[in-house]
Amino acid sequence: MKISDFDIYHLPPLMGMFVDYLEDECERLLQESPQFTELQREDHELMDEYPFLNMITDSNGITKALDLNYAETEALAKFCLVEEDINCWKRLQMYLLGIAHAMGIIELLKLD
């Protein structure tokens, strides 16, 4: 099996477990970041204050037209920015974790 045979949707069971481990490890590391936890707090506050945001993030999607007032439109814009920041932090943490693992593998492969 070649690396090109893998994709995120068709992983062998052991590799799928490793991806789950990586996601959990990234989440654990992110929870240690005050900036990240502040973004999560802000995200949850917006969702609590503006229930229509839950409908947007629901896996069923939007099931009816939204008629938003100015404050709700501002909240939606803020929510999108916060969500993007959260996702950026997650991608960066996954990248850094990947680098750490790659460096470990390189160390193991070094020949003296």
PDB file of N, CA and C in Angstrom:
ATOM      1  N   MET A   1       0.848  -1.179   0.000  1.00  0.00           N
ATOM      2  CA  MET A   1       0.000   0.000   0.000  1.00  0.00           C
ATOM      3  C   MET A   1       0.893   1.242   0.000  1.00  0.00           C
ATOM      4  N   LYS A   2       0.555   2.192  -0.842  1.00  0.00           N
ATOM      5  CA  LYS A   2       1.323   3.430  -0.951  1.00  0.00           C
ATOM      6  C   LYS A   2       0.602   4.546  -0.199  1.00  0.00           C
ATOM      7  N   ILE A   3       1.353   5.563   0.161  1.00  0.00           N
ATOM      8  CA  ILE A   3       0.762   6.708   0.866  1.00  0.00           C
ATOM      9  C   ILE A   3      -0.322   7.361   0.014  1.00  0.00           C
ATOM     10  N   SER A   4      -0.176   7.308  -1.294  1.00  0.00           N
ATOM     11  CA  SER A   4      -1.180   7.912  -2.174  1.00  0.00           C
ATOM     12  C   SER A   4      -2.508   7.157  -2.138  1.00  0.00           C
ATOM     13  N   ASP A   5      -2.507   5.944  -1.581  1.00  0.00           N
ATOM     14  CA  ASP A   5      -3.742   5.166  -1.471  1.00  0.00           C
ATOM     15  C   ASP A   5      -4.615   5.616  -0.297  1.00  0.00           C
ATOM     16  N   PHE A   6      -4.060   6.419   0.591  1.00  0.00           N
ATOM     17  CA  PHE A   6      -4.795   6.848   1.776  1.00  0.00           C
ATOM     18  C   PHE A   6      -5.545   8.144   1.514  1.00  0.00           C
ATOM     19  N   ASP A   7      -6.708   8.247   2.075  1.00  0.00           N
ATOM     20  CA  ASP A   7      -7.394   9.528   2.190  1.00  0.00           C
ATOM     21  C   ASP A   7      -8.142   9.516   3.519  1.00  0.00           C
ATOM     22  N   ILE A   8      -8.547  10.663   3.954  1.00  0.00           N
ATOM     23  CA  ILE A   8      -9.123  10.813   5.290  1.00  0.00           C
ATOM     24  C   ILE A   8     -10.406   9.993   5.469  1.00  0.00           C
ATOM     25  N   TYR A   9     -11.067   9.656   4.375  1.00  0.00           N
ATOM     26  CA  TYR A   9     -12.345   8.947   4.465  1.00  0.00           C
ATOM     27  C   TYR A   9     -12.204   7.431   4.368  1.00  0.00           C
ATOM     28  N   HIS A  10     -11.034   6.954   3.995  1.00  0.00           N
ATOM     29  CA  HIS A  10     -10.834   5.513   3.827  1.00  0.00           C
ATOM     30  C   HIS A  10      -9.527   5.077   4.489  1.00  0.00           C
ATOM     31  N   LEU A  11      -9.419   5.348   5.756  1.00  0.00           N
ATOM     32  CA  LEU A  11      -8.201   5.000   6.480  1.00  0.00           C
ATOM     33  C   LEU A  11      -8.288   3.576   7.016  1.00  0.00           C
ATOM     34  N   PRO A  12      -7.159   2.888   7.040  1.00  0.00           N
ATOM     35  CA  PRO A  12      -7.145   1.600   7.733  1.00  0.00           C
ATOM     36  C   PRO A  12      -7.477   1.831   9.209  1.00  0.00           C
ATOM     37  N   PRO A  13      -8.058   0.849   9.887  1.00  0.00           N
ATOM     38  CA  PRO A  13      -8.499   1.048  11.279  1.00  0.00           C
ATOM     39  C   PRO A  13      -7.427   1.616  12.208  1.00  0.00           C
ATOM     40  N   LEU A  14      -6.224   1.096  12.130  1.00  0.00           N
ATOM     41  CA  LEU A  14      -5.173   1.579  13.026  1.00  0.00           C
ATOM     42  C   LEU A  14      -4.841   3.045  12.750  1.00  0.00           C
ATOM     43  N   MET A  15      -4.821   3.411  11.485  1.00  0.00           N
ATOM     44  CA  MET A  15      -4.525   4.798  11.149  1.00  0.00           C
ATOM     45  C   MET A  15      -5.690   5.705  11.568  1.00  0.00           C
ATOM     46  N   GLY A  16      -6.906   5.202  11.446  1.00  0.00           N
ATOM     47  CA  GLY A  16      -8.062   5.967  11.912  1.00  0.00           C
ATOM     48  C   GLY A  16      -7.981   6.236  13.407  1.00  0.00           C
ATOM     49  N   MET A  17      -7.531   5.240  14.148  1.00  0.00           N
ATOM     50  CA  MET A  17      -7.352   5.422  15.594  1.00  0.00           C
ATOM     51  C   MET A  17      -6.268   6.458  15.870  1.00  0.00           C
ATOM     52  N   PHE A  18      -5.229   6.471  15.045  1.00  0.00           N
ATOM     53  CA  PHE A  18      -4.157   7.446  15.219  1.00  0.00           C
ATOM     54  C   PHE A  18      -4.666   8.863  14.945  1.00  0.00           C
ATOM     55  N   VAL A  19      -5.488   9.008  13.923  1.00  0.00           N
ATOM     56  CA  VAL A  19      -6.070  10.321  13.620  1.00  0.00           C
ATOM     57  C   VAL A  19      -6.942  10.780  14.790  1.00  0.00           C
ATOM     58  N   ASP A  20      -7.722   9.869  15.348  1.00  0.00           N
ATOM     59  CA  ASP A  20      -8.535  10.215  16.522  1.00  0.00           C
ATOM     60  C   ASP A  20      -7.648  10.663  17.679  1.00  0.00           C
ATOM     61  N   TYR A  21      -6.539   9.948  17.881  1.00  0.00           N
ATOM     62  CA  TYR A  21      -5.591  10.329  18.934  1.00  0.00           C
ATOM     63  C   TYR A  21      -5.051  11.740  18.678  1.00  0.00           C
ATOM     64  N   LEU A  22      -4.678  12.016  17.433  1.00  0.00           N
ATOM     65  CA  LEU A  22      -4.135  13.334  17.098  1.00  0.00           C
ATOM     66  C   LEU A  22      -5.158  14.438  17.356  1.00  0.00           C
ATOM     67  N   GLU A  23      -6.399  14.190  16.974  1.00  0.00           N
ATOM     68  CA  GLU A  23      -7.445  15.185  17.216  1.00  0.00           C
ATOM     69  C   GLU A  23      -7.622  15.437  18.710  1.00  0.00           C
ATOM     70  N   ASP A  24      -7.624  14.371  19.493  1.00  0.00           N
ATOM     71  CA  ASP A  24      -7.759  14.510  20.948  1.00  0.00           C
ATOM     72  C   ASP A  24      -6.563  15.249  21.543  1.00  0.00           C
ATOM     73  N   GLU A  25      -5.374  14.916  21.065  1.00  0.00           N
ATOM     74  CA  GLU A  25      -4.164  15.567  21.570  1.00  0.00           C
ATOM     75  C   GLU A  25      -4.158  17.052  21.210  1.00  0.00           C
ATOM     76  N   CYS A  26      -4.564  17.375  20.005  1.00  0.00           N
ATOM     77  CA  CYS A  26      -4.646  18.784  19.605  1.00  0.00           C
ATOM     78  C   CYS A  26      -5.636  19.535  20.490  1.00  0.00           C
ATOM     79  N   GLU A  27      -6.776  18.935  20.727  1.00  0.00           N
ATOM     80  CA  GLU A  27      -7.787  19.574  21.575  1.00  0.00           C
ATOM     81  C   GLU A  27      -7.244  19.788  22.986  1.00  0.00           C
ATOM     82  N   ARG A  28      -6.546  18.797  23.512  1.00  0.00           N
ATOM     83  CA  ARG A  28      -5.968  18.919  24.853  1.00  0.00           C
ATOM     84  C   ARG A  28      -4.960  20.066  24.900  1.00  0.00           C
ATOM     85  N   LEU A  29      -4.101  20.129  23.904  1.00  0.00           N
ATOM     86  CA  LEU A  29      -3.091  21.190  23.865  1.00  0.00           C
ATOM     87  C   LEU A  29      -3.735  22.565  23.706  1.00  0.00           C
ATOM     88  N   LEU A  30      -4.767  22.637  22.895  1.00  0.00           N
ATOM     89  CA  LEU A  30      -5.443  23.916  22.693  1.00  0.00           C
ATOM     90  C   LEU A  30      -6.127  24.401  23.968  1.00  0.00           C
ATOM     91  N   GLN A  31      -6.624  23.475  24.766  1.00  0.00           N
ATOM     92  CA  GLN A  31      -7.293  23.865  26.010  1.00  0.00           C
ATOM     93  C   GLN A  31      -6.318  24.507  26.996  1.00  0.00           C
ATOM     94  N   GLU A  32      -5.031  24.324  26.777  1.00  0.00           N
ATOM     95  CA  GLU A  32      -4.018  24.955  27.627  1.00  0.00           C
ATOM     96  C   GLU A  32      -3.741  26.396  27.209  1.00  0.00           C
ATOM     97  N   SER A  33      -4.292  26.814  26.083  1.00  0.00           N
ATOM     98  CA  SER A  33      -4.051  28.159  25.566  1.00  0.00           C
ATOM     99  C   SER A  33      -5.148  29.118  26.026  1.00  0.00           C
ATOM    100  N   PRO A  34      -4.781  30.157  26.769  1.00  0.00           N
ATOM    101  CA  PRO A  34      -5.792  31.137  27.191  1.00  0.00           C
ATOM    102  C   PRO A  34      -6.472  31.827  26.006  1.00  0.00           C
ATOM    103  N   GLN A  35      -5.720  32.073  24.942  1.00  0.00           N
ATOM    104  CA  GLN A  35      -6.306  32.725  23.768  1.00  0.00           C
ATOM    105  C   GLN A  35      -7.365  31.834  23.122  1.00  0.00           C
ATOM    106  N   PHE A  36      -7.064  30.549  23.028  1.00  0.00           N
ATOM    107  CA  PHE A  36      -8.016  29.630  22.419  1.00  0.00           C
ATOM    108  C   PHE A  36      -9.259  29.473  23.288  1.00  0.00           C
ATOM    109  N   THR A  37      -9.065  29.320  24.580  1.00  0.00           N
ATOM    110  CA  THR A  37     -10.226  29.154  25.461  1.00  0.00           C
ATOM    111  C   THR A  37     -11.077  30.423  25.486  1.00  0.00           C
ATOM    112  N   GLU A  38     -10.450  31.576  25.318  1.00  0.00           N
ATOM    113  CA  GLU A  38     -11.215  32.828  25.227  1.00  0.00           C
ATOM    114  C   GLU A  38     -12.062  32.844  23.954  1.00  0.00           C
ATOM    115  N   LEU A  39     -11.501  32.378  22.857  1.00  0.00           N
ATOM    116  CA  LEU A  39     -12.276  32.290  21.615  1.00  0.00           C
ATOM    117  C   LEU A  39     -13.454  31.335  21.783  1.00  0.00           C
ATOM    118  N   GLN A  40     -13.227  30.215  22.430  1.00  0.00           N
ATOM    119  CA  GLN A  40     -14.322  29.271  22.663  1.00  0.00           C
ATOM    120  C   GLN A  40     -15.403  29.882  23.551  1.00  0.00           C
ATOM    121  N   ARG A  41     -14.980  30.606  24.575  1.00  0.00           N
ATOM    122  CA  ARG A  41     -15.945  31.261  25.460  1.00  0.00           C
ATOM    123  C   ARG A  41     -16.789  32.254  24.669  1.00  0.00           C
ATOM    124  N   GLU A  42     -16.124  33.043  23.836  1.00  0.00           N
ATOM    125  CA  GLU A  42     -16.826  34.031  23.020  1.00  0.00           C
ATOM    126  C   GLU A  42     -17.790  33.347  22.048  1.00  0.00           C
ATOM    127  N   ASP A  43     -17.357  32.252  21.475  1.00  0.00           N
ATOM    128  CA  ASP A  43     -18.188  31.477  20.554  1.00  0.00           C
ATOM    129  C   ASP A  43     -19.454  30.985  21.258  1.00  0.00           C
ATOM    130  N   HIS A  44     -19.277  30.418  22.447  1.00  0.00           N
ATOM    131  CA  HIS A  44     -20.425  29.899  23.194  1.00  0.00           C
ATOM    132  C   HIS A  44     -21.363  31.016  23.648  1.00  0.00           C
ATOM    133  N   GLU A  45     -20.796  32.143  24.032  1.00  0.00           N
ATOM    134  CA  GLU A  45     -21.636  33.276  24.433  1.00  0.00           C
ATOM    135  C   GLU A  45     -22.504  33.752  23.277  1.00  0.00           C
ATOM    136  N   LEU A  46     -21.904  33.845  22.098  1.00  0.00           N
ATOM    137  CA  LEU A  46     -22.683  34.264  20.926  1.00  0.00           C
ATOM    138  C   LEU A  46     -23.798  33.266  20.629  1.00  0.00           C
ATOM    139  N   MET A  47     -23.481  31.992  20.721  1.00  0.00           N
ATOM    140  CA  MET A  47     -24.496  30.970  20.438  1.00  0.00           C
ATOM    141  C   MET A  47     -25.610  30.982  21.490  1.00  0.00           C
ATOM    142  N   ASP A  48     -25.250  31.282  22.732  1.00  0.00           N
ATOM    143  CA  ASP A  48     -26.268  31.368  23.786  1.00  0.00           C
ATOM    144  C   ASP A  48     -27.158  32.593  23.599  1.00  0.00           C
ATOM    145  N   GLU A  49     -26.540  33.698  23.206  1.00  0.00           N
ATOM    146  CA  GLU A  49     -27.290  34.946  23.066  1.00  0.00           C
ATOM    147  C   GLU A  49     -28.130  34.984  21.787  1.00  0.00           C
ATOM    148  N   TYR A  50     -27.650  34.314  20.746  1.00  0.00           N
ATOM    149  CA  TYR A  50     -28.341  34.325  19.448  1.00  0.00           C
ATOM    150  C   TYR A  50     -28.608  32.881  19.011  1.00  0.00           C
ATOM    151  N   PRO A  51     -29.748  32.333  19.418  1.00  0.00           N
ATOM    152  CA  PRO A  51     -30.053  30.918  19.139  1.00  0.00           C
ATOM    153  C   PRO A  51     -30.038  30.545  17.650  1.00  0.00           C
ATOM    154  N   PHE A  52     -30.273  31.499  16.769  1.00  0.00           N
ATOM    155  CA  PHE A  52     -30.268  31.166  15.345  1.00  0.00           C
ATOM    156  C   PHE A  52     -28.888  30.679  14.888  1.00  0.00           C
ATOM    157  N   LEU A  53     -27.843  31.034  15.632  1.00  0.00           N
ATOM    158  CA  LEU A  53     -26.499  30.568  15.274  1.00  0.00           C
ATOM    159  C   LEU A  53     -26.388  29.054  15.422  1.00  0.00           C
ATOM    160  N   ASN A  54     -27.134  28.494  16.367  1.00  0.00           N
ATOM    161  CA  ASN A  54     -27.141  27.035  16.527  1.00  0.00           C
ATOM    162  C   ASN A  54     -27.706  26.358  15.285  1.00  0.00           C
ATOM    163  N   MET A  55     -28.710  26.985  14.691  1.00  0.00           N
ATOM    164  CA  MET A  55     -29.312  26.419  13.489  1.00  0.00           C
ATOM    165  C   MET A  55     -28.290  26.416  12.344  1.00  0.00           C
ATOM    166  N   ILE A  56     -27.468  27.432  12.295  1.00  0.00           N
ATOM    167  CA  ILE A  56     -26.465  27.522  11.231  1.00  0.00           C
ATOM    168  C   ILE A  56     -25.414  26.432  11.388  1.00  0.00           C
ATOM    169  N   THR A  57     -25.044  26.139  12.619  1.00  0.00           N
ATOM    170  CA  THR A  57     -24.000  25.137  12.854  1.00  0.00           C
ATOM    171  C   THR A  57     -24.555  23.724  12.962  1.00  0.00           C
ATOM    172  N   ASP A  58     -25.862  23.582  13.030  1.00  0.00           N
ATOM    173  CA  ASP A  58     -26.494  22.269  13.130  1.00  0.00           C
ATOM    174  C   ASP A  58     -26.221  21.459  11.865  1.00  0.00           C
ATOM    175  N   SER A  59     -26.049  20.168  12.034  1.00  0.00           N
ATOM    176  CA  SER A  59     -25.759  19.314  10.878  1.00  0.00           C
ATOM    177  C   SER A  59     -26.915  19.272   9.880  1.00  0.00           C
ATOM    178  N   ASN A  60     -28.115  19.618  10.329  1.00  0.00           N
ATOM    179  CA  ASN A  60     -29.260  19.656   9.413  1.00  0.00           C
ATOM    180  C   ASN A  60     -29.262  20.915   8.556  1.00  0.00           C
ATOM    181  N   GLY A  61     -28.456  21.882   8.948  1.00  0.00           N
ATOM    182  CA  GLY A  61     -28.372  23.115   8.175  1.00  0.00           C
ATOM    183  C   GLY A  61     -29.560  24.026   8.417  1.00  0.00           C
ATOM    184  N   ILE A  62     -29.646  25.016   7.596  1.00  0.00           N
ATOM    185  CA  ILE A  62     -30.732  25.992   7.703  1.00  0.00           C
ATOM    186  C   ILE A  62     -31.970  25.398   7.056  1.00  0.00           C
ATOM    187  N   THR A  63     -33.049  25.384   7.813  1.00  0.00           N
ATOM    188  CA  THR A  63     -34.282  24.771   7.319  1.00  0.00           C
ATOM    189  C   THR A  63     -35.344  25.796   6.954  1.00  0.00           C
ATOM    190  N   LYS A  64     -35.062  27.063   7.243  1.00  0.00           N
ATOM    191  CA  LYS A  64     -36.000  28.124   6.871  1.00  0.00           C
ATOM    192  C   LYS A  64     -35.209  29.406   6.662  1.00  0.00           C
ATOM    193  N   ALA A  65     -35.838  30.345   5.997  1.00  0.00           N
ATOM    194  CA  ALA A  65     -35.179  31.622   5.726  1.00  0.00           C
ATOM    195  C   ALA A  65     -34.937  32.370   7.039  1.00  0.00           C
ATOM    196  N   LEU A  66     -33.824  33.057   7.083  1.00  0.00           N
ATOM    197  CA  LEU A  66     -33.506  33.857   8.258  1.00  0.00           C
ATOM    198  C   LEU A  66     -33.777  35.327   7.946  1.00  0.00           C
ATOM    199  N   ASP A  67     -34.508  35.961   8.819  1.00  0.00           N
ATOM    200  CA  ASP A  67     -34.775  37.392   8.694  1.00  0.00           C
ATOM    201  C   ASP A  67     -34.076  38.052   9.876  1.00  0.00           C
ATOM    202  N   LEU A  68     -32.858  38.511   9.640  1.00  0.00           N
ATOM    203  CA  LEU A  68     -32.030  39.016  10.730  1.00  0.00           C
ATOM    204  C   LEU A  68     -32.113  40.533  10.842  1.00  0.00           C
ATOM    205  N   ASN A  69     -32.167  40.985  12.080  1.00  0.00           N
ATOM    206  CA  ASN A  69     -32.079  42.425  12.297  1.00  0.00           C
ATOM    207  C   ASN A  69     -30.598  42.823  12.315  1.00  0.00           C
ATOM    208  N   TYR A  70     -30.337  44.102  12.530  1.00  0.00           N
ATOM    209  CA  TYR A  70     -28.962  44.597  12.464  1.00  0.00           C
ATOM    210  C   TYR A  70     -28.071  43.938  13.521  1.00  0.00           C
ATOM    211  N   ALA A  71     -28.564  43.838  14.747  1.00  0.00           N
ATOM    212  CA  ALA A  71     -27.769  43.240  15.828  1.00  0.00           C
ATOM    213  C   ALA A  71     -27.467  41.770  15.528  1.00  0.00           C
ATOM    214  N   GLU A  72     -28.441  41.065  14.993  1.00  0.00           N
ATOM    215  CA  GLU A  72     -28.230  39.656  14.651  1.00  0.00           C
ATOM    216  C   GLU A  72     -27.232  39.510  13.500  1.00  0.00           C
ATOM    217  N   THR A  73     -27.299  40.434  12.560  1.00  0.00           N
ATOM    218  CA  THR A  73     -26.354  40.409  11.445  1.00  0.00           C
ATOM    219  C   THR A  73     -24.937  40.666  11.945  1.00  0.00           C
ATOM    220  N   GLU A  74     -24.798  41.613  12.862  1.00  0.00           N
ATOM    221  CA  GLU A  74     -23.487  41.860  13.472  1.00  0.00           C
ATOM    222  C   GLU A  74     -23.003  40.629  14.237  1.00  0.00           C
ATOM    223  N   ALA A  75     -23.914  39.995  14.959  1.00  0.00           N
ATOM    224  CA  ALA A  75     -23.558  38.790  15.717  1.00  0.00           C
ATOM    225  C   ALA A  75     -23.117  37.674  14.770  1.00  0.00           C
ATOM    226  N   LEU A  76     -23.800  37.539  13.654  1.00  0.00           N
ATOM    227  CA  LEU A  76     -23.428  36.517  12.672  1.00  0.00           C
ATOM    228  C   LEU A  76     -22.030  36.791  12.120  1.00  0.00           C
ATOM    229  N   ALA A  77     -21.752  38.046  11.807  1.00  0.00           N
ATOM    230  CA  ALA A  77     -20.423  38.402  11.299  1.00  0.00           C
ATOM    231  C   ALA A  77     -19.353  38.105  12.353  1.00  0.00           C
ATOM    232  N   LYS A  78     -19.618  38.472  13.589  1.00  0.00           N
ATOM    233  CA  LYS A  78     -18.671  38.219  14.682  1.00  0.00           C
ATOM    234  C   LYS A  78     -18.479  36.717  14.879  1.00  0.00           C
ATOM    235  N   PHE A  79     -19.578  35.979  14.841  1.00  0.00           N
ATOM    236  CA  PHE A  79     -19.532  34.530  15.008  1.00  0.00           C
ATOM    237  C   PHE A  79     -18.665  33.889  13.920  1.00  0.00           C
ATOM    238  N   CYS A  80     -18.827  34.336  12.697  1.00  0.00           N
ATOM    239  CA  CYS A  80     -18.027  33.787  11.590  1.00  0.00           C
ATOM    240  C   CYS A  80     -16.538  34.057  11.808  1.00  0.00           C
ATOM    241  N   LEU A  81     -16.216  35.242  12.284  1.00  0.00           N
ATOM    242  CA  LEU A  81     -14.814  35.573  12.549  1.00  0.00           C
ATOM    243  C   LEU A  81     -14.246  34.720  13.685  1.00  0.00           C
ATOM    244  N   VAL A  82     -15.024  34.556  14.738  1.00  0.00           N
ATOM    245  CA  VAL A  82     -14.571  33.747  15.876  1.00  0.00           C
ATOM    246  C   VAL A  82     -14.397  32.291  15.450  1.00  0.00           C
ATOM    247  N   GLU A  83     -15.353  31.773  14.693  1.00  0.00           N
ATOM    248  CA  GLU A  83     -15.252  30.394  14.207  1.00  0.00           C
ATOM    249  C   GLU A  83     -14.008  30.216  13.333  1.00  0.00           C
ATOM    250  N   GLU A  84     -13.740  31.191  12.485  1.00  0.00           N
ATOM    251  CA  GLU A  84     -12.552  31.112  11.633  1.00  0.00           C
ATOM    252  C   GLU A  84     -11.283  31.127  12.480  1.00  0.00           C
ATOM    253  N   ASP A  85     -11.256  31.967  13.502  1.00  0.00           N
ATOM    254  CA  ASP A  85     -10.090  31.997  14.393  1.00  0.00           C
ATOM    255  C   ASP A  85      -9.909  30.660  15.112  1.00  0.00           C
ATOM    256  N   ILE A  86     -10.999  30.085  15.585  1.00  0.00           N
ATOM    257  CA  ILE A  86     -10.934  28.783  16.260  1.00  0.00           C
ATOM    258  C   ILE A  86     -10.385  27.728  15.306  1.00  0.00           C
ATOM    259  N   ASN A  87     -10.904  27.707  14.099  1.00  0.00           N
ATOM    260  CA  ASN A  87     -10.441  26.722  13.119  1.00  0.00           C
ATOM    261  C   ASN A  87      -8.987  26.950  12.731  1.00  0.00           C
ATOM    262  N   CYS A  88      -8.570  28.199  12.678  1.00  0.00           N
ATOM    263  CA  CYS A  88      -7.172  28.512  12.385  1.00  0.00           C
ATOM    264  C   CYS A  88      -6.264  27.967  13.491  1.00  0.00           C
ATOM    265  N   TRP A  89      -6.658  28.171  14.732  1.00  0.00           N
ATOM    266  CA  TRP A  89      -5.887  27.639  15.861  1.00  0.00           C
ATOM    267  C   TRP A  89      -5.796  26.120  15.779  1.00  0.00           C
ATOM    268  N   LYS A  90      -6.909  25.477  15.435  1.00  0.00           N
ATOM    269  CA  LYS A  90      -6.918  24.013  15.340  1.00  0.00           C
ATOM    270  C   LYS A  90      -5.990  23.533  14.228  1.00  0.00           C
ATOM    271  N   ARG A  91      -6.049  24.179  13.082  1.00  0.00           N
ATOM    272  CA  ARG A  91      -5.169  23.786  11.971  1.00  0.00           C
ATOM    273  C   ARG A  91      -3.705  23.992  12.336  1.00  0.00           C
ATOM    274  N   LEU A  92      -3.413  25.118  12.966  1.00  0.00           N
ATOM    275  CA  LEU A  92      -2.034  25.400  13.360  1.00  0.00           C
ATOM    276  C   LEU A  92      -1.539  24.378  14.378  1.00  0.00           C
ATOM    277  N   GLN A  93      -2.374  24.048  15.349  1.00  0.00           N
ATOM    278  CA  GLN A  93      -1.961  23.071  16.360  1.00  0.00           C
ATOM    279  C   GLN A  93      -1.729  21.703  15.724  1.00  0.00           C
ATOM    280  N   MET A  94      -2.584  21.303  14.802  1.00  0.00           N
ATOM    281  CA  MET A  94      -2.406  20.020  14.121  1.00  0.00           C
ATOM    282  C   MET A  94      -1.106  20.034  13.315  1.00  0.00           C
ATOM    283  N   TYR A  95      -0.832  21.139  12.660  1.00  0.00           N
ATOM    284  CA  TYR A  95       0.402  21.278  11.885  1.00  0.00           C
ATOM    285  C   TYR A  95       1.625  21.160  12.798  1.00  0.00           C
ATOM    286  N   LEU A  96       1.595  21.869  13.913  1.00  0.00           N
ATOM    287  CA  LEU A  96       2.728  21.829  14.838  1.00  0.00           C
ATOM    288  C   LEU A  96       2.913  20.441  15.444  1.00  0.00           C
ATOM    289  N   LEU A  97       1.816  19.776  15.731  1.00  0.00           N
ATOM    290  CA  LEU A  97       1.904  18.414  16.247  1.00  0.00           C
ATOM    291  C   LEU A  97       2.495  17.487  15.187  1.00  0.00           C
ATOM    292  N   GLY A  98       2.111  17.699  13.942  1.00  0.00           N
ATOM    293  CA  GLY A  98       2.683  16.912  12.849  1.00  0.00           C
ATOM    294  C   GLY A  98       4.179  17.133  12.717  1.00  0.00           C
ATOM    295  N   ILE A  99       4.598  18.379  12.848  1.00  0.00           N
ATOM    296  CA  ILE A  99       6.033  18.679  12.789  1.00  0.00           C
ATOM    297  C   ILE A  99       6.764  17.973  13.930  1.00  0.00           C
ATOM    298  N   ALA A 100       6.189  18.019  15.115  1.00  0.00           N
ATOM    299  CA  ALA A 100       6.824  17.360  16.265  1.00  0.00           C
ATOM    300  C   ALA A 100       6.970  15.864  16.014  1.00  0.00           C
ATOM    301  N   HIS A 101       5.933  15.247  15.457  1.00  0.00           N
ATOM    302  CA  HIS A 101       6.014  13.813  15.161  1.00  0.00           C
ATOM    303  C   HIS A 101       7.029  13.540  14.053  1.00  0.00           C
ATOM    304  N   ALA A 102       7.058  14.388  13.045  1.00  0.00           N
ATOM    305  CA  ALA A 102       8.024  14.208  11.959  1.00  0.00           C
ATOM    306  C   ALA A 102       9.453  14.326  12.484  1.00  0.00           C
ATOM    307  N   MET A 103       9.681  15.280  13.362  1.00  0.00           N
ATOM    308  CA  MET A 103      11.021  15.436  13.935  1.00  0.00           C
ATOM    309  C   MET A 103      11.401  14.202  14.753  1.00  0.00           C
ATOM    310  N   GLY A 104      10.445  13.647  15.461  1.00  0.00           N
ATOM    311  CA  GLY A 104      10.709  12.422  16.216  1.00  0.00           C
ATOM    312  C   GLY A 104      11.073  11.265  15.305  1.00  0.00           C
ATOM    313  N   ILE A 105      10.372  11.151  14.195  1.00  0.00           N
ATOM    314  CA  ILE A 105      10.671  10.083  13.234  1.00  0.00           C
ATOM    315  C   ILE A 105      12.049  10.294  12.615  1.00  0.00           C
ATOM    316  N   ILE A 106      12.364  11.533  12.287  1.00  0.00           N
ATOM    317  CA  ILE A 106      13.686  11.836  11.723  1.00  0.00           C
ATOM    318  C   ILE A 106      14.777  11.440  12.710  1.00  0.00           C
ATOM    319  N   GLU A 107      14.569  11.733  13.978  1.00  0.00           N
ATOM    320  CA  GLU A 107      15.552  11.355  15.001  1.00  0.00           C
ATOM    321  C   GLU A 107      15.716   9.837  15.064  1.00  0.00           C
ATOM    322  N   LEU A 108      14.604   9.123  14.966  1.00  0.00           N
ATOM    323  CA  LEU A 108      14.672   7.656  15.004  1.00  0.00           C
ATOM    324  C   LEU A 108      15.409   7.084  13.797  1.00  0.00           C
ATOM    325  N   LEU A 109      15.304   7.769  12.675  1.00  0.00           N
ATOM    326  CA  LEU A 109      15.899   7.263  11.441  1.00  0.00           C
ATOM    327  C   LEU A 109      17.361   7.671  11.251  1.00  0.00           C
ATOM    328  N   LYS A 110      17.840   8.555  12.095  1.00  0.00           N
ATOM    329  CA  LYS A 110      19.231   8.997  11.951  1.00  0.00           C
ATOM    330  C   LYS A 110      20.175   7.818  12.141  1.00  0.00           C
ATOM    331  N   LEU A 111      21.095   7.744  11.242  1.00  0.00           N
ATOM    332  CA  LEU A 111      22.115   6.703  11.338  1.00  0.00           C
ATOM    333  C   LEU A 111      23.408   7.330  11.824  1.00  0.00           C
ATOM    334  N   ASP A 112      24.026   6.696  12.769  1.00  0.00           N
ATOM    335  CA  ASP A 112      25.296   7.229  13.291  1.00  0.00           C
ATOM    336  C   ASP A 112      26.461   6.707  12.502  1.00  0.00           C
TER     337      ASP A 112
END
